[in-house]
Amino acid sequence: MRRLFLTTMLSIGLVLFCASGCTKKPSPEEMNKLTEARASAESAEKKLAELRAERAQLEATLDAKKEELRKTEEERDAIKAKLGE
């Protein structure tokens, strides 16, 4: 995901650089494109952070459920052992 983001930003920068020619200052249109690209990049980074936080939460929930399952299976096995005696 990060590699895709960096590749996209590099491509946008290269296009803007090539399209700008040899002027000293970027045109208003180029500035608008750059601003849009920057906003898009920030949005993508925010979404990535949200997804990473959600993943961490889901992994923690999964670990808790696995532990609960392990304890329940131990309890089941103990009950089976008592009934089998």
Protein backbone atom coordinates (compact mmCIF):
# COMPACT_ATOMS: atom_id res chain seq x y z
CA MET A 1 0.00 0.00 0.00
CA ARG A 2 2.80 2.36 0.90
CA ARG A 3 4.70 1.47 -2.25
CA LEU A 4 1.59 2.23 -4.32
CA PHE A 5 1.19 5.56 -2.57
CA LEU A 6 4.83 6.52 -3.16
CA THR A 7 4.66 5.44 -6.80
CA THR A 8 1.50 7.48 -7.32
CA MET A 9 2.97 10.57 -5.71
CA LEU A 10 6.18 10.21 -7.71
CA SER A 11 4.19 9.86 -10.92
CA ILE A 12 2.10 12.93 -10.14
CA GLY A 13 5.24 14.90 -9.32
CA LEU A 14 6.92 13.81 -12.52
CA VAL A 15 3.90 14.74 -14.61
CA LEU A 16 3.68 18.14 -12.95
CA PHE A 17 7.41 18.70 -13.42
CA CYS A 18 7.32 17.76 -17.10
CA ALA A 19 4.16 19.75 -17.76
CA SER A 20 5.53 22.87 -16.11
CA GLY A 21 8.22 23.49 -18.69
CA CYS A 22 10.99 25.90 -17.77
CA THR A 23 8.99 28.55 -15.95
CA LYS A 24 10.18 29.80 -12.60
CA LYS A 25 6.77 29.69 -10.95
CA PRO A 26 4.04 27.10 -11.32
CA SER A 27 0.86 28.22 -12.98
CA PRO A 28 -2.37 28.46 -10.97
CA GLU A 29 -3.59 25.31 -12.72
CA GLU A 30 -0.47 23.43 -11.65
CA MET A 31 -0.86 24.70 -8.12
CA ASN A 32 -4.46 23.47 -8.09
CA LYS A 33 -3.36 20.05 -9.30
CA LEU A 34 -0.65 19.92 -6.68
CA THR A 35 -3.10 20.95 -3.97
CA GLU A 36 -5.55 18.27 -5.11
CA ALA A 37 -2.78 15.68 -5.16
CA ARG A 38 -1.68 16.68 -1.68
CA ALA A 39 -5.26 16.48 -0.38
CA SER A 40 -5.67 13.09 -2.00
CA ALA A 41 -2.45 11.84 -0.43
CA GLU A 42 -3.49 13.09 3.00
CA SER A 43 -6.87 11.43 2.61
CA ALA A 44 -5.22 8.14 1.63
CA GLU A 45 -2.87 8.33 4.62
CA LYS A 46 -5.80 9.01 6.96
CA LYS A 47 -7.74 6.06 5.53
CA LEU A 48 -4.66 3.83 5.91
CA ALA A 49 -4.29 4.84 9.57
CA GLU A 50 -7.98 4.10 10.18
CA LEU A 51 -7.71 0.69 8.54
CA ARG A 52 -4.60 -0.17 10.53
CA ALA A 53 -6.36 0.77 13.77
CA GLU A 54 -9.37 -1.32 12.78
CA ARG A 55 -7.11 -4.27 11.95
CA ALA A 56 -5.37 -4.01 15.32
CA GLN A 57 -8.75 -3.98 17.07
CA LEU A 58 -9.96 -7.00 15.09
CA GLU A 59 -6.76 -8.91 15.84
CA ALA A 60 -7.17 -8.17 19.55
CA THR A 61 -10.77 -9.39 19.41
CA LEU A 62 -9.68 -12.53 17.58
CA ASP A 63 -7.02 -13.25 20.20
CA ALA A 64 -9.59 -12.81 22.98
CA LYS A 65 -12.01 -15.17 21.23
CA LYS A 66 -9.27 -17.77 20.72
CA GLU A 67 -8.43 -17.62 24.42
CA GLU A 68 -12.10 -17.96 25.32
CA LEU A 69 -12.39 -20.98 23.01
CA ARG A 70 -9.31 -22.58 24.55
CA LYS A 71 -10.73 -22.20 28.07
CA THR A 72 -14.11 -23.54 27.00
CA GLU A 73 -12.49 -26.56 25.35
CA GLU A 74 -10.48 -27.25 28.50
CA GLU A 75 -13.66 -27.06 30.55
CA ARG A 76 -15.42 -29.41 28.10
CA ASP A 77 -12.56 -31.88 28.25
CA ALA A 78 -12.59 -31.78 32.06
CA ILE A 79 -16.34 -32.49 32.11
CA LYS A 80 -15.92 -35.36 29.64
CA ALA A 81 -13.16 -36.81 31.79
CA LYS A 82 -15.36 -36.67 34.91
CA LEU A 83 -18.27 -38.28 33.10
CA GLY A 84 -16.03 -41.00 31.72
CA GLU A 85 -14.73 -42.07 35.14
